[in-house]
Amino acid sequence: MHTLLHCLFLHPFASPGQNRARWDLACDIAAECIAAELCGPRPGNANGGTEYALGRICGALQQIPLTAESVFELLKTGRFVDDEQEWQQLFCVDDHRFWYERPDVRSTAGAGAGEGHTEETPDSESEAETQPGGESPDDTPDKGSGHFKSPKNAWQYAAQSITSSMKHQPASPQSGWGRNLSGLFANLRVAPRSYKKPALDEFLRSFATFEETPRPSSDEFDYALYTYGFALYGDTPIIEPLETRDEKRIREFVIGIDVSGSVWGPMVTRFAQIVQGVLCNEGLFSSAPRIRIIQCDTQIVEEDVIDTPEHMRKWIEGLRLHGGGGTDLRPVFQRVDELVEHGEINDLNGVICLTDGYANFPKCATPYKTAFVLTPDGAQNLVPPWAMTFMLEEEDFRST
């Protein structure tokens, strides 16, 4: 992700002149910062050295977004000259030598863009008003032209495609971006969009995946050809109706419930009823479902496996909460990893945890879709940025 962000932010295509080392450091700081926002902290950074350094840099930038260009300008002031060597060890995780050993980008870009095309550098006075490398925001590469053959323009095209998607789709925690990702928007030169918060049932439906079900698909069945076969042959249709169709279902799913003292009683019961309504009333239960419900405070205190809609109904009717101590959700994810490793979970749709947010969370992003549903007074700012978040409100219970 770190290296991919370098390319999308066009870091390799600027010419830092005599300040190559500082430009490399500025690019690494910006890429590592955004990669951490997207994926969570890098493993092995337990001492928090990068977080401390980023805090100092953001403090010095004040309200200026953290980008390679803004950090580069900050480093040029010499304010952090004594820290640069230490920061290089913290943030340098890939090799930049190929940025400077490739064919001359200026001549390649110039051949496609026309005579007179020049490339700005981070040292130029107009850098703050241009895109990285001096490209104008309106200089959109044509995918079918020779201009697109430049590596720089190929990556610029990819970055602009992402930007276009962000401009035309509402940002939300459900979509995976829109919260704690202001740095990504700043580096891609696009402002985050506001969004309308989805209802809880809609949020839960986002975990369903397509599954082949034994039902004819009227959308894919051609009645004209079917009846023409009877007209042509008497008793033989040309096409038999399709015996299956793809529908969104939830097959393997894990629900973690924070049973600390602050998450208790009616809140948990109502949440379970909403989940039951979405799974049962909207036909999201798979033909062979395995819904695991894990209660956890500082350790797992109860685990149930639901395999039918009727079983789900009876579980809610006889719901008993255990625990009541502190809050540590890491055992839930350790249990899920154990089940996956032993082959008891083969096609996990996702993990969703009900909590107040005042908990210990996994440091790194999970390889499966993860969401935390927070109680109305939950601490959203404590939830790791790599996970989806849904803040419960009273209207969520009324609407469902």
Protein backbone atom coordinates (compact mmCIF):
# COMPACT_ATOMS: atom_id res chain seq x y z
CA MET A 1 0.00 0.00 0.00
CA HIS A 2 2.87 2.36 0.83
CA THR A 3 4.42 1.90 -2.63
CA LEU A 4 1.08 2.04 -4.42
CA LEU A 5 0.28 5.36 -2.75
CA HIS A 6 3.63 6.75 -3.94
CA CYS A 7 2.51 6.07 -7.50
CA LEU A 8 -1.04 7.36 -7.11
CA PHE A 9 0.25 10.56 -5.51
CA LEU A 10 2.80 10.88 -8.38
CA HIS A 11 5.74 11.02 -5.99
CA PRO A 12 8.23 9.28 -8.33
CA PHE A 13 7.70 11.79 -11.11
CA ALA A 14 8.82 15.01 -9.42
CA SER A 15 12.37 16.31 -9.75
CA PRO A 16 13.69 17.40 -6.36
CA GLY A 17 16.98 18.77 -7.71
CA GLN A 18 19.64 18.82 -4.98
CA ASN A 19 17.08 17.96 -2.29
CA ARG A 20 16.49 14.34 -3.30
CA ALA A 21 16.97 12.95 0.22
CA ARG A 22 14.43 15.35 1.71
CA TRP A 23 11.96 14.72 -1.09
CA ASP A 24 12.27 10.96 -0.53
CA LEU A 25 11.67 11.46 3.20
CA ALA A 26 8.68 13.74 2.61
CA CYS A 27 7.14 11.19 0.22
CA ASP A 28 7.71 8.35 2.69
CA ILE A 29 6.11 10.33 5.52
CA ALA A 30 3.02 11.13 3.44
CA ALA A 31 2.64 7.59 2.06
CA GLU A 32 3.17 5.92 5.44
CA CYS A 33 0.68 8.26 7.10
CA ILE A 34 -2.08 7.46 4.59
CA ALA A 35 -1.23 3.74 4.53
CA ALA A 36 -1.66 3.65 8.31
CA GLU A 37 -5.03 5.39 7.99
CA LEU A 38 -6.16 2.80 5.44
CA CYS A 39 -4.67 -0.37 6.92
CA GLY A 40 -3.89 0.37 10.54
CA PRO A 41 -0.47 0.77 12.15
CA ARG A 42 2.42 -1.15 10.64
CA PRO A 43 3.26 -4.34 12.61
CA GLY A 44 6.38 -3.87 14.69
CA ASN A 45 5.66 -0.23 15.49
CA ALA A 46 4.71 -0.98 19.07
CA ASN A 47 6.81 1.84 20.48
CA GLY A 48 4.73 4.42 18.62
CA GLY A 49 7.72 6.18 17.06
CA THR A 50 5.94 6.99 13.80
CA GLU A 51 2.85 8.28 15.61
CA TYR A 52 4.99 10.61 17.71
CA ALA A 53 6.85 11.90 14.66
CA LEU A 54 3.62 12.42 12.71
CA GLY A 55 2.18 14.30 15.68
CA ARG A 56 5.10 16.72 15.61
CA ILE A 57 4.84 17.17 11.85
CA CYS A 58 1.08 17.77 11.94
CA GLY A 59 1.57 20.23 14.79
CA ALA A 60 4.08 22.17 12.72
CA LEU A 61 1.82 22.13 9.64
CA GLN A 62 -1.13 23.31 11.77
CA GLN A 63 -4.14 23.45 9.42
CA ILE A 64 -2.18 22.55 6.27
CA PRO A 65 -2.96 19.02 5.00
CA LEU A 66 -0.11 16.53 5.31
CA THR A 67 1.11 15.85 1.78
CA ALA A 68 4.56 15.18 0.35
CA GLU A 69 4.70 18.77 -0.90
CA SER A 70 3.75 20.34 2.43
CA VAL A 71 6.18 18.13 4.37
CA PHE A 72 8.92 18.87 1.83
CA GLU A 73 8.47 22.61 2.32
CA LEU A 74 8.53 22.08 6.10
CA LEU A 75 11.78 20.09 5.92
CA LYS A 76 13.42 22.76 3.76
CA THR A 77 13.05 25.25 6.59
CA GLY A 78 15.57 23.21 8.59
CA ARG A 79 13.28 23.09 11.61
CA PHE A 80 13.64 19.31 11.92
CA VAL A 81 17.15 18.87 10.57
CA ASP A 82 18.21 17.00 13.73
CA ASP A 83 15.34 14.54 13.32
CA GLU A 84 15.66 13.74 9.63
CA GLN A 85 18.04 10.81 10.02
CA GLU A 86 15.82 9.19 12.68
CA TRP A 87 12.72 9.77 10.56
CA GLN A 88 14.38 8.14 7.57
CA GLN A 89 14.77 4.98 9.63
CA LEU A 90 11.14 5.18 10.78
CA PHE A 91 9.40 5.92 7.49
CA CYS A 92 11.66 4.49 4.76
CA VAL A 93 10.21 1.09 3.84
CA ASP A 94 10.79 0.86 0.08
CA ASP A 95 13.47 1.61 -2.51
CA HIS A 96 13.26 4.88 -4.44
CA ARG A 97 16.29 4.44 -6.67
CA PHE A 98 14.14 3.45 -9.65
CA TRP A 99 12.42 6.81 -9.45
CA TYR A 100 15.64 8.36 -10.68
CA GLU A 101 17.03 5.59 -12.92
CA ARG A 102 14.08 5.41 -15.34
CA PRO A 103 14.12 7.03 -18.84
CA ASP A 104 13.73 10.78 -18.89
CA VAL A 105 10.09 11.41 -18.02
CA ARG A 106 10.20 14.94 -19.36
CA SER A 107 10.98 13.86 -22.90
CA THR A 108 8.43 11.02 -22.77
CA ALA A 109 5.69 13.28 -21.47
CA GLY A 110 6.66 16.03 -23.85
CA ALA A 111 6.35 13.76 -26.86
CA GLY A 112 2.74 13.01 -26.02
CA ALA A 113 1.71 16.32 -24.54
CA GLY A 114 3.14 18.53 -27.27
CA GLU A 115 6.09 20.91 -27.53
CA GLY A 116 6.83 23.20 -24.64
CA HIS A 117 5.65 20.78 -21.93
CA THR A 118 7.85 21.16 -18.86
CA GLU A 119 7.80 19.53 -15.47
CA GLU A 120 7.71 21.54 -12.27
CA THR A 121 9.75 20.42 -9.25
CA PRO A 122 9.05 20.66 -5.54
CA ASP A 123 11.60 23.51 -5.45
CA SER A 124 9.59 25.67 -7.84
CA GLU A 125 7.62 28.61 -6.52
CA SER A 126 4.43 27.48 -8.22
CA GLU A 127 4.44 23.96 -6.78
CA ALA A 128 1.67 24.73 -4.30
CA GLU A 129 -0.63 25.69 -7.16
CA THR A 130 -0.03 22.65 -9.36
CA GLN A 131 -0.46 18.92 -9.21
CA PRO A 132 2.66 16.81 -8.38
CA GLY A 133 5.13 16.98 -11.22
CA GLY A 134 3.61 20.16 -12.61
CA GLU A 135 0.56 18.62 -14.31
CA SER A 136 -2.45 20.86 -14.58
CA PRO A 137 -5.64 19.48 -13.00
CA ASP A 138 -7.28 19.77 -16.41
CA ASP A 139 -4.49 17.85 -18.17
CA THR A 140 -6.40 14.56 -18.27
CA PRO A 141 -4.54 11.86 -20.17
CA ASP A 142 -6.39 10.21 -23.01
CA LYS A 143 -6.27 6.45 -22.45
CA GLY A 144 -6.00 5.78 -26.15
CA SER A 145 -3.34 8.37 -26.93
CA GLY A 146 0.43 8.26 -26.91
CA HIS A 147 0.32 10.70 -24.00
CA PHE A 148 -1.09 7.90 -21.84
CA LYS A 149 1.96 5.72 -22.55
CA SER A 150 4.04 7.82 -20.16
CA PRO A 151 4.27 6.02 -16.79
CA LYS A 152 3.51 9.28 -15.06
CA ASN A 153 0.35 9.84 -17.07
CA ALA A 154 -0.72 6.23 -16.62
CA TRP A 155 -0.62 6.68 -12.84
CA GLN A 156 -2.23 10.10 -13.13
CA TYR A 157 -5.07 8.49 -15.06
CA ALA A 158 -5.49 5.89 -12.30
CA ALA A 159 -5.48 8.59 -9.61
CA GLN A 160 -8.04 10.64 -11.51
CA SER A 161 -10.26 7.55 -11.89
CA ILE A 162 -10.23 7.11 -8.11
CA THR A 163 -10.90 10.81 -7.67
CA SER A 164 -13.84 10.61 -10.07
CA SER A 165 -15.32 7.72 -8.12
CA MET A 166 -15.01 9.65 -4.87
CA LYS A 167 -16.69 12.68 -6.40
CA HIS A 168 -19.71 10.73 -7.64
CA GLN A 169 -20.23 8.27 -4.80
CA PRO A 170 -21.28 9.26 -1.27
CA ALA A 171 -18.58 8.65 1.29
CA SER A 172 -19.61 6.69 4.35
CA PRO A 173 -18.20 4.30 6.91
CA GLN A 174 -20.16 1.59 5.07
CA SER A 175 -18.21 2.21 1.87
CA GLY A 176 -14.92 2.04 3.75
CA TRP A 177 -13.88 5.66 3.39
CA GLY A 178 -15.19 8.98 4.60
CA ARG A 179 -13.98 8.87 8.21
CA ASN A 180 -10.38 9.50 9.33
CA LEU A 181 -9.26 9.58 5.70
CA SER A 182 -8.90 13.31 5.13
CA GLY A 183 -5.25 12.78 4.21
CA LEU A 184 -6.17 10.52 1.32
CA PHE A 185 -8.55 13.13 -0.06
CA ALA A 186 -5.93 15.85 0.34
CA ASN A 187 -3.26 13.89 -1.53
CA LEU A 188 -5.67 12.97 -4.31
CA ARG A 189 -6.92 16.57 -4.48
CA VAL A 190 -10.58 15.77 -3.83
CA ALA A 191 -12.79 16.96 -0.98
CA PRO A 192 -14.70 14.36 1.04
CA ARG A 193 -18.42 14.29 0.38
CA SER A 194 -21.11 14.22 2.98
CA TYR A 195 -23.37 11.19 3.15
CA LYS A 196 -26.71 10.12 4.45
CA LYS A 197 -26.33 7.61 7.23
CA PRO A 198 -27.87 4.26 6.22
CA ALA A 199 -30.34 2.46 8.44
CA LEU A 200 -29.02 -0.43 10.51
CA ASP A 201 -30.80 -3.05 8.44
CA GLU A 202 -29.28 -1.59 5.26
CA PHE A 203 -25.86 -1.65 6.89
CA LEU A 204 -26.26 -5.33 7.82
CA ARG A 205 -27.30 -6.23 4.27
CA SER A 206 -23.93 -5.00 3.03
CA PHE A 207 -22.36 -8.17 4.49
CA ALA A 208 -24.36 -10.49 2.24
CA THR A 209 -22.64 -12.10 -0.73
CA PHE A 210 -24.02 -13.79 -3.82
CA GLU A 211 -24.92 -17.45 -3.48
CA GLU A 212 -26.45 -19.83 -6.02
CA THR A 213 -29.97 -20.75 -4.90
CA PRO A 214 -32.26 -23.45 -6.38
CA ARG A 215 -34.85 -21.05 -7.75
CA PRO A 216 -35.61 -20.22 -11.40
CA SER A 217 -34.35 -16.82 -12.46
CA SER A 218 -37.15 -14.99 -14.25
CA ASP A 219 -34.72 -12.23 -15.20
CA GLU A 220 -32.58 -14.63 -17.27
CA PHE A 221 -35.40 -16.76 -18.73
CA ASP A 222 -36.40 -16.04 -22.31
CA TYR A 223 -40.10 -16.88 -22.71
CA ALA A 224 -40.07 -16.07 -26.43
CA LEU A 225 -37.59 -18.82 -27.29
CA TYR A 226 -39.21 -21.19 -24.81
CA THR A 227 -42.68 -20.90 -26.40
CA TYR A 228 -41.20 -20.88 -29.92
CA GLY A 229 -39.88 -24.38 -29.24
CA PHE A 230 -43.37 -25.64 -28.59
CA ALA A 231 -44.65 -23.99 -31.76
CA LEU A 232 -41.81 -25.47 -33.79
CA TYR A 233 -41.60 -29.00 -32.35
CA GLY A 234 -44.91 -29.46 -30.62
CA ASP A 235 -43.77 -30.66 -27.21
CA THR A 236 -40.12 -29.63 -26.93
CA PRO A 237 -39.04 -26.22 -25.65
CA ILE A 238 -35.84 -24.75 -27.06
CA ILE A 239 -34.62 -23.60 -23.64
CA GLU A 240 -35.36 -25.13 -20.29
CA PRO A 241 -35.83 -22.65 -17.43
CA LEU A 242 -32.70 -22.01 -15.38
CA GLU A 243 -32.82 -24.05 -12.19
CA THR A 244 -30.77 -21.65 -10.07
CA ARG A 245 -30.08 -17.98 -9.67
CA ASP A 246 -27.65 -15.85 -7.71
CA GLU A 247 -29.07 -14.13 -4.66
CA LYS A 248 -27.43 -12.26 -1.81
CA ARG A 249 -27.23 -14.43 1.29
CA ILE A 250 -25.29 -14.61 4.55
CA ARG A 251 -23.80 -18.05 5.14
CA GLU A 252 -20.95 -17.76 7.66
CA PHE A 253 -21.09 -14.76 9.93
CA VAL A 254 -19.76 -13.86 13.36
CA ILE A 255 -21.51 -11.49 15.77
CA GLY A 256 -19.45 -10.32 18.73
CA ILE A 257 -21.27 -8.83 21.71
CA ASP A 258 -19.48 -6.66 24.24
CA VAL A 259 -21.01 -7.78 27.53
CA SER A 260 -19.21 -5.29 29.75
CA GLY A 261 -21.18 -3.36 32.31
CA SER A 262 -21.98 -0.50 29.89
CA VAL A 263 -23.48 -2.70 27.14
CA TRP A 264 -26.26 -4.74 28.66
CA GLY A 265 -29.90 -5.79 28.69
CA PRO A 266 -32.47 -4.22 26.34
CA MET A 267 -29.81 -2.74 24.01
CA VAL A 268 -28.38 -6.19 23.24
CA THR A 269 -31.80 -7.82 22.95
CA ARG A 270 -33.09 -5.20 20.53
CA PHE A 271 -29.92 -5.39 18.45
CA ALA A 272 -30.32 -9.17 18.21
CA GLN A 273 -33.96 -8.75 17.15
CA ILE A 274 -32.92 -6.35 14.39
CA VAL A 275 -30.31 -8.82 13.14
CA GLN A 276 -32.91 -11.59 13.22
CA GLY A 277 -35.37 -9.45 11.27
CA VAL A 278 -32.84 -8.69 8.56
CA LEU A 279 -31.67 -12.28 8.23
CA CYS A 280 -35.07 -13.98 8.42
CA ASN A 281 -37.63 -11.53 7.05
CA GLU A 282 -35.53 -10.54 4.03
CA GLY A 283 -34.44 -14.04 3.12
CA LEU A 284 -30.73 -13.46 3.75
CA PHE A 285 -30.30 -16.76 5.56
CA SER A 286 -28.27 -19.16 3.45
CA SER A 287 -29.45 -22.70 2.78
CA ALA A 288 -26.76 -23.88 5.22
CA PRO A 289 -26.06 -20.95 7.55
CA ARG A 290 -23.64 -20.88 10.46
CA ILE A 291 -24.05 -17.70 12.48
CA ARG A 292 -21.74 -17.59 15.49
CA ILE A 293 -22.68 -15.29 18.36
CA ILE A 294 -19.79 -14.68 20.76
CA GLN A 295 -20.22 -12.89 24.08
CA CYS A 296 -17.02 -11.32 25.37
CA ASP A 297 -15.91 -8.99 28.16
CA THR A 298 -12.16 -9.44 28.72
CA GLN A 299 -12.47 -13.03 27.50
CA ILE A 300 -15.02 -15.14 25.66
CA VAL A 301 -17.78 -16.10 28.10
CA GLU A 302 -20.32 -17.69 25.74
CA GLU A 303 -20.42 -18.92 22.13
CA ASP A 304 -23.53 -20.06 20.26
CA VAL A 305 -23.91 -21.38 16.72
CA ILE A 306 -27.15 -20.57 14.87
CA ASP A 307 -28.00 -22.78 11.88
CA THR A 308 -31.70 -22.07 11.17
CA PRO A 309 -34.04 -19.07 11.40
CA GLU A 310 -36.04 -20.92 14.05
CA HIS A 311 -32.90 -21.48 16.08
CA MET A 312 -32.21 -17.74 15.87
CA ARG A 313 -35.70 -16.95 17.18
CA LYS A 314 -35.37 -19.36 20.10
CA TRP A 315 -31.92 -18.00 20.97
CA ILE A 316 -33.30 -14.46 21.28
CA GLU A 317 -36.27 -15.61 23.36
CA GLY A 318 -33.96 -17.35 25.81
CA LEU A 319 -31.16 -14.77 25.63
CA ARG A 320 -28.97 -14.71 28.72
CA LEU A 321 -25.99 -12.40 28.95
CA HIS A 322 -22.86 -13.46 30.77
CA GLY A 323 -19.80 -11.49 31.82
CA GLY A 324 -20.07 -7.90 32.96
CA GLY A 325 -16.41 -7.04 33.50
CA GLY A 326 -14.06 -4.95 31.36
CA THR A 327 -13.95 -4.81 27.58
CA ASP A 328 -11.42 -6.51 25.30
CA LEU A 329 -12.65 -7.53 21.85
CA ARG A 330 -9.36 -9.07 20.74
CA PRO A 331 -10.37 -12.57 21.97
CA VAL A 332 -13.28 -12.50 19.50
CA PHE A 333 -10.93 -12.04 16.57
CA GLN A 334 -8.45 -14.56 17.96
CA ARG A 335 -11.30 -17.07 18.10
CA VAL A 336 -12.32 -16.28 14.52
CA ASP A 337 -8.73 -16.74 13.32
CA GLU A 338 -8.60 -20.07 15.14
CA LEU A 339 -11.83 -21.26 13.50
CA VAL A 340 -10.57 -20.23 10.06
CA GLU A 341 -7.24 -21.96 10.62
CA HIS A 342 -8.95 -25.22 11.68
CA GLY A 343 -11.31 -25.14 8.71
CA GLU A 344 -14.48 -24.64 10.77
CA ILE A 345 -15.07 -21.37 8.89
CA ASN A 346 -14.43 -21.51 5.15
CA ASP A 347 -16.31 -18.59 3.63
CA LEU A 348 -16.63 -15.85 6.23
CA ASN A 349 -18.99 -13.04 5.23
CA GLY A 350 -17.70 -10.81 8.00
CA VAL A 351 -17.50 -10.00 11.71
CA ILE A 352 -19.66 -7.39 13.39
CA CYS A 353 -19.29 -6.40 17.05
CA LEU A 354 -21.74 -4.50 19.25
CA THR A 355 -19.76 -2.32 21.68
CA ASP A 356 -19.61 1.07 23.33
CA GLY A 357 -16.17 1.68 21.80
CA TYR A 358 -14.29 1.76 25.09
CA ALA A 359 -12.45 -1.46 24.36
CA ASN A 360 -9.17 -2.99 23.27
CA PHE A 361 -9.21 -3.58 19.51
CA PRO A 362 -6.87 -5.50 17.18
CA LYS A 363 -3.96 -3.28 16.13
CA CYS A 364 -3.88 -4.41 12.50
CA ALA A 365 -6.62 -4.76 9.90
CA THR A 366 -8.35 -8.13 9.63
CA PRO A 367 -8.35 -10.07 6.32
CA TYR A 368 -12.16 -10.19 6.40
CA LYS A 369 -14.83 -7.49 6.49
CA THR A 370 -15.14 -6.09 10.02
CA ALA A 371 -17.55 -3.58 11.53
CA PHE A 372 -18.19 -2.17 14.98
CA VAL A 373 -21.75 -1.14 15.85
CA LEU A 374 -21.56 1.46 18.60
CA THR A 375 -24.14 2.25 21.24
CA PRO A 376 -25.60 5.80 21.08
CA ASP A 377 -23.01 7.16 23.51
CA GLY A 378 -20.16 5.10 22.06
CA ALA A 379 -16.63 6.38 21.52
CA GLN A 380 -16.34 6.40 17.73
CA ASN A 381 -12.93 8.07 17.81
CA LEU A 382 -11.43 5.03 19.59
CA VAL A 383 -12.44 2.54 16.89
CA PRO A 384 -9.53 1.61 14.57
CA PRO A 385 -9.76 3.39 11.20
CA TRP A 386 -9.44 0.20 9.14
CA ALA A 387 -12.85 -1.07 10.30
CA MET A 388 -16.34 0.05 9.32
CA THR A 389 -18.31 1.83 12.02
CA PHE A 390 -22.02 2.27 12.61
CA MET A 391 -23.27 4.56 15.38
CA LEU A 392 -26.62 3.44 16.78
CA GLU A 393 -29.33 6.03 17.30
CA GLU A 394 -32.86 5.80 18.64
CA GLU A 395 -34.28 6.10 15.14
CA ASP A 396 -32.50 2.90 14.14
CA PHE A 397 -34.65 0.99 16.59
CA ARG A 398 -37.86 2.78 15.64
CA SER A 399 -37.39 2.27 11.86
CA THR A 400 -36.85 -1.46 12.21
